[in-house]
């Protein structure tokens, strides 16, 4: 478009138009940011979150584990709630809180992998799609034994509840790459087990009943809308 506009100015306008365009071109950065790149990254980020949403990759219902079931219920409840309402905001906070717990666990795994020298490969090693199958695992028994060791001998997981099955697939990869023992040693060093008195009462096991109670209250529908109307009237 720039060259065409320049030719147009040279033929039908005064020469200063073309000179101004040259000046503007010189001020432009050599590599202009592409807004499509930003949106592509955001879409990929959302897809990654959805891909890694469930603890049980092979569970088509996404509801075998208590935390999966609760998160799924929260998402369904938010879909039925008016966007911008008090109930919608509360559900969004609860959903993000649960996802933050999962991100915290994932970040611990990523920290260890990067410390082992897998800076570029950490994200791909930690990605487990919903189509993952136990039949494709090469070292399932060893991976399960190591997952138990990580759960009982470290604080890499944020709760005393059984660890997510998705990490079985990750450990199977680490065993195949012959770095699983090094990973376990680093986990013991970086995240030693906490004493009972040191644990904060913010785990999923404590929050799940509260979150479920909120969802049940919101499912009443009418009461929530009525309370919101009262709040709006009071604010007026």
Protein backbone atom coordinates (compact mmCIF):
# COMPACT_ATOMS: atom_id res chain seq x y z
CA UNK A 1 0.00 0.00 0.00
CA UNK A 2 2.90 2.39 0.77
CA UNK A 3 4.49 2.19 -2.70
CA UNK A 4 1.12 2.53 -4.44
CA UNK A 5 0.28 5.60 -2.38
CA UNK A 6 3.68 7.06 -3.18
CA UNK A 7 3.12 6.64 -6.92
CA UNK A 8 -0.30 8.22 -6.58
CA UNK A 9 1.17 11.26 -4.81
CA UNK A 10 3.93 11.64 -7.40
CA UNK A 11 1.41 11.64 -10.25
CA UNK A 12 -1.46 13.69 -8.84
CA UNK A 13 -0.19 15.56 -5.78
CA UNK A 14 2.71 17.73 -4.89
CA UNK A 15 6.00 16.01 -4.27
CA UNK A 16 5.92 16.83 -0.56
CA UNK A 17 3.36 14.09 0.04
CA UNK A 18 5.79 11.46 -1.12
CA UNK A 19 8.55 12.96 0.97
CA UNK A 20 6.35 12.91 4.06
CA UNK A 21 5.62 9.25 3.50
CA UNK A 22 9.32 8.52 3.27
CA UNK A 23 9.82 10.29 6.60
CA UNK A 24 7.04 8.28 8.17
CA UNK A 25 8.49 5.05 6.81
CA UNK A 26 11.82 5.85 8.38
CA UNK A 27 10.15 6.30 11.76
CA UNK A 28 8.41 2.93 11.56
CA UNK A 29 10.11 0.00 13.34
CA UNK A 30 11.68 -2.59 11.07
CA UNK A 31 9.52 -5.36 12.60
CA UNK A 32 5.99 -4.19 13.34
CA UNK A 33 4.06 -6.09 16.01
CA UNK A 34 1.36 -8.27 14.52
CA UNK A 35 -1.87 -8.10 16.55
CA UNK A 36 -2.78 -11.54 15.23
CA UNK A 37 0.22 -12.98 17.08
CA UNK A 38 -1.19 -11.73 20.36
CA UNK A 39 -4.60 -13.27 19.75
CA UNK A 40 -3.01 -16.50 18.54
CA UNK A 41 -1.03 -16.75 21.75
CA UNK A 42 -4.12 -16.05 23.83
CA UNK A 43 -6.12 -18.71 21.98
CA UNK A 44 -3.31 -21.21 22.41
CA UNK A 45 -3.07 -20.35 26.10
CA UNK A 46 -6.79 -21.00 26.56
CA UNK A 47 -6.51 -24.28 24.65
CA UNK A 48 -3.61 -25.33 26.85
CA UNK A 49 -5.66 -24.57 29.95
CA UNK A 50 -8.56 -26.60 28.64
CA UNK A 51 -6.23 -29.42 27.62
CA UNK A 52 -4.73 -29.51 31.09
CA UNK A 53 -7.96 -28.79 32.92
CA UNK A 54 -8.75 -32.30 34.11
CA UNK A 55 -6.74 -34.36 36.56
CA UNK A 56 -7.86 -37.63 34.95
CA UNK A 57 -6.99 -37.45 31.22
CA UNK A 58 -8.86 -40.65 30.42
CA UNK A 59 -12.10 -39.61 32.13
CA UNK A 60 -14.56 -38.54 29.41
CA UNK A 61 -17.01 -37.23 31.99
CA UNK A 62 -14.36 -35.04 33.67
CA UNK A 63 -15.89 -35.88 37.04
CA UNK A 64 -14.14 -38.91 38.55
CA UNK A 65 -12.08 -36.92 41.04
CA UNK A 66 -13.75 -34.69 43.60
CA UNK A 67 -11.82 -31.60 42.51
CA UNK A 68 -12.55 -32.29 38.83
CA UNK A 69 -16.22 -32.72 39.62
CA UNK A 70 -16.31 -29.52 41.63
CA UNK A 71 -14.51 -27.50 38.97
CA UNK A 72 -16.76 -28.90 36.26
CA UNK A 73 -19.83 -28.00 38.35
CA UNK A 74 -18.53 -24.48 38.92
CA UNK A 75 -17.93 -23.98 35.21
CA UNK A 76 -21.40 -25.24 34.35
CA UNK A 77 -22.97 -23.00 36.99
CA UNK A 78 -21.10 -19.95 35.69
CA UNK A 79 -22.27 -20.69 32.14
CA UNK A 80 -25.86 -20.44 33.40
CA UNK A 81 -25.27 -17.25 35.39
CA UNK A 82 -25.68 -13.76 34.00
CA UNK A 83 -22.29 -12.30 33.13
CA UNK A 84 -21.34 -9.42 35.38
CA UNK A 85 -23.69 -10.45 38.19
CA UNK A 86 -22.55 -11.00 41.76
CA UNK A 87 -22.97 -14.74 41.37
CA UNK A 88 -20.91 -14.76 38.18
CA UNK A 89 -18.08 -12.89 39.88
CA UNK A 90 -18.11 -15.21 42.88
CA UNK A 91 -17.99 -18.27 40.66
CA UNK A 92 -15.13 -16.78 38.65
CA UNK A 93 -13.14 -16.22 41.83
CA UNK A 94 -13.72 -19.81 42.96
CA UNK A 95 -12.81 -21.19 39.54
CA UNK A 96 -9.60 -19.19 39.42
CA UNK A 97 -8.73 -20.27 42.98
CA UNK A 98 -8.96 -23.94 41.97
CA UNK A 99 -6.97 -23.34 38.82
CA UNK A 100 -4.34 -21.45 40.82
CA UNK A 101 -3.81 -24.52 42.98
CA UNK A 102 -3.25 -26.62 39.87
CA UNK A 103 -0.93 -24.03 38.37
CA UNK A 104 1.08 -23.96 41.60
CA UNK A 105 1.66 -27.71 41.39
CA UNK A 106 2.56 -27.47 37.71
CA UNK A 107 4.97 -24.60 38.40
CA UNK A 108 6.79 -26.76 40.95
CA UNK A 109 7.24 -29.51 38.38
CA UNK A 110 8.41 -26.98 35.81
CA UNK A 111 10.94 -25.52 38.25
CA UNK A 112 12.51 -28.92 38.79
CA UNK A 113 12.58 -29.77 35.10
CA UNK A 114 14.23 -26.45 34.26
CA UNK A 115 16.76 -27.03 37.02
CA UNK A 116 17.56 -30.37 35.38
CA UNK A 117 18.32 -28.52 32.16
CA UNK A 118 15.01 -28.93 30.33
CA UNK A 119 14.25 -25.23 29.93
CA UNK A 120 12.91 -25.53 26.38
CA UNK A 121 11.19 -28.88 26.86
CA UNK A 122 9.50 -28.34 30.24
CA UNK A 123 6.16 -27.16 28.87
CA UNK A 124 5.85 -30.00 26.39
CA UNK A 125 6.81 -32.57 29.00
CA UNK A 126 4.09 -31.25 31.31
CA UNK A 127 1.35 -31.20 28.67
CA UNK A 128 -1.13 -34.08 28.94
CA UNK A 129 -4.04 -34.17 26.53
CA UNK A 130 -7.46 -35.56 27.31
CA UNK A 131 -6.78 -38.41 24.89
CA UNK A 132 -3.90 -39.85 26.94
CA UNK A 133 -4.28 -43.58 27.54
CA UNK A 134 -2.77 -45.89 30.15
CA UNK A 135 -2.29 -48.47 27.41
CA UNK A 136 0.34 -46.26 25.80
CA UNK A 137 2.44 -45.94 28.95
CA UNK A 138 5.80 -47.69 28.83
CA UNK A 139 6.49 -47.93 32.57
CA UNK A 140 3.14 -47.64 34.31
CA UNK A 141 4.01 -49.58 37.53
CA UNK A 142 7.26 -47.67 38.02
CA UNK A 143 5.53 -44.36 37.32
CA UNK A 144 2.82 -45.11 39.88
CA UNK A 145 5.39 -46.08 42.51
CA UNK A 146 7.30 -42.86 41.87
CA UNK A 147 4.12 -40.79 42.02
CA UNK A 148 3.40 -42.31 45.44
CA UNK A 149 6.92 -41.40 46.57
CA UNK A 150 6.51 -37.82 45.40
CA UNK A 151 3.19 -37.55 47.21
CA UNK A 152 4.38 -39.05 50.49
CA UNK A 153 7.99 -37.84 50.63
CA UNK A 154 7.70 -34.30 49.26
CA UNK A 155 5.37 -31.31 49.33
CA UNK A 156 5.21 -30.99 45.55
CA UNK A 157 1.45 -31.47 45.75
CA UNK A 158 -0.74 -28.98 47.60
CA UNK A 159 -3.07 -31.43 49.29
CA UNK A 160 -3.13 -34.74 51.11
CA UNK A 161 -5.70 -36.01 48.63
CA UNK A 162 -4.45 -38.60 46.10
CA UNK A 163 -2.31 -36.91 43.43
CA UNK A 164 -3.78 -36.31 39.97
CA UNK A 165 -3.45 -39.19 37.54
CA UNK A 166 -2.19 -36.84 34.83
CA UNK A 167 1.23 -36.83 36.51
CA UNK A 168 1.53 -40.56 35.90
CA UNK A 169 1.91 -39.82 32.21
CA UNK A 170 4.53 -37.17 32.92
CA UNK A 171 6.52 -39.52 35.13
CA UNK A 172 6.30 -42.20 32.45
CA UNK A 173 7.99 -39.77 30.07
CA UNK A 174 10.68 -38.93 32.63
CA UNK A 175 11.38 -42.63 33.20
CA UNK A 176 11.70 -43.13 29.46
CA UNK A 177 14.17 -40.21 29.32
CA UNK A 178 16.06 -41.71 32.29
CA UNK A 179 15.71 -38.59 34.43
CA UNK A 180 12.96 -39.72 36.81
CA UNK A 181 15.35 -40.57 39.66
CA UNK A 182 17.05 -37.19 39.31
CA UNK A 183 13.64 -35.52 39.32
CA UNK A 184 12.65 -37.31 42.53
CA UNK A 185 15.92 -36.34 44.19
CA UNK A 186 15.42 -32.67 43.25
CA UNK A 187 11.82 -32.76 44.46
CA UNK A 188 12.94 -34.07 47.85
CA UNK A 189 15.51 -31.30 48.04
CA UNK A 190 13.39 -28.39 46.77
CA UNK A 191 10.06 -29.38 48.36
CA UNK A 192 10.65 -31.41 51.52
CA UNK A 193 7.55 -32.73 53.32
CA UNK A 194 5.85 -30.28 55.65
CA UNK A 195 4.93 -30.95 59.23
CA UNK A 196 1.21 -31.04 60.04
CA UNK A 197 1.55 -27.81 62.02
CA UNK A 198 3.16 -26.08 59.03
CA UNK A 199 0.39 -26.82 56.58
CA UNK A 200 -2.01 -24.01 55.83
CA UNK A 201 -5.72 -24.88 55.94
CA UNK A 202 -6.29 -23.80 52.34
CA UNK A 203 -6.15 -27.11 50.51
CA UNK A 204 -8.73 -28.36 48.06
CA UNK A 205 -9.96 -30.94 50.56
CA UNK A 206 -11.19 -28.15 52.85
CA UNK A 207 -12.49 -25.84 50.15
CA UNK A 208 -14.47 -28.39 48.13
CA UNK A 209 -17.50 -28.64 50.46
CA UNK A 210 -17.69 -24.85 50.66
CA UNK A 211 -17.51 -24.49 46.89
CA UNK A 212 -20.17 -27.15 46.38
CA UNK A 213 -22.42 -25.41 48.91
CA UNK A 214 -22.06 -22.15 46.98
CA UNK A 215 -22.96 -23.86 43.73
CA UNK A 216 -26.03 -25.44 45.28
CA UNK A 217 -27.08 -22.05 46.63
CA UNK A 218 -26.65 -20.46 43.24
CA UNK A 219 -28.59 -23.23 41.56
CA UNK A 220 -31.61 -21.91 43.42
CA UNK A 221 -31.47 -19.08 40.89
CA UNK A 222 -34.26 -16.92 42.15
CA UNK A 223 -32.74 -16.14 45.52
CA UNK A 224 -29.49 -15.00 43.94
CA UNK A 225 -31.23 -12.76 41.43
CA UNK A 226 -33.42 -11.35 44.16
CA UNK A 227 -30.46 -10.56 46.40
CA UNK A 228 -28.71 -8.89 43.47
CA UNK A 229 -31.71 -6.71 42.81
CA UNK A 230 -31.77 -5.72 46.47
CA UNK A 231 -28.09 -4.79 46.31
CA UNK A 232 -28.65 -2.74 43.17
CA UNK A 233 -31.58 -0.93 44.77
CA UNK A 234 -29.54 -0.16 47.87
CA UNK A 235 -26.68 1.17 45.74
CA UNK A 236 -29.13 3.47 43.95
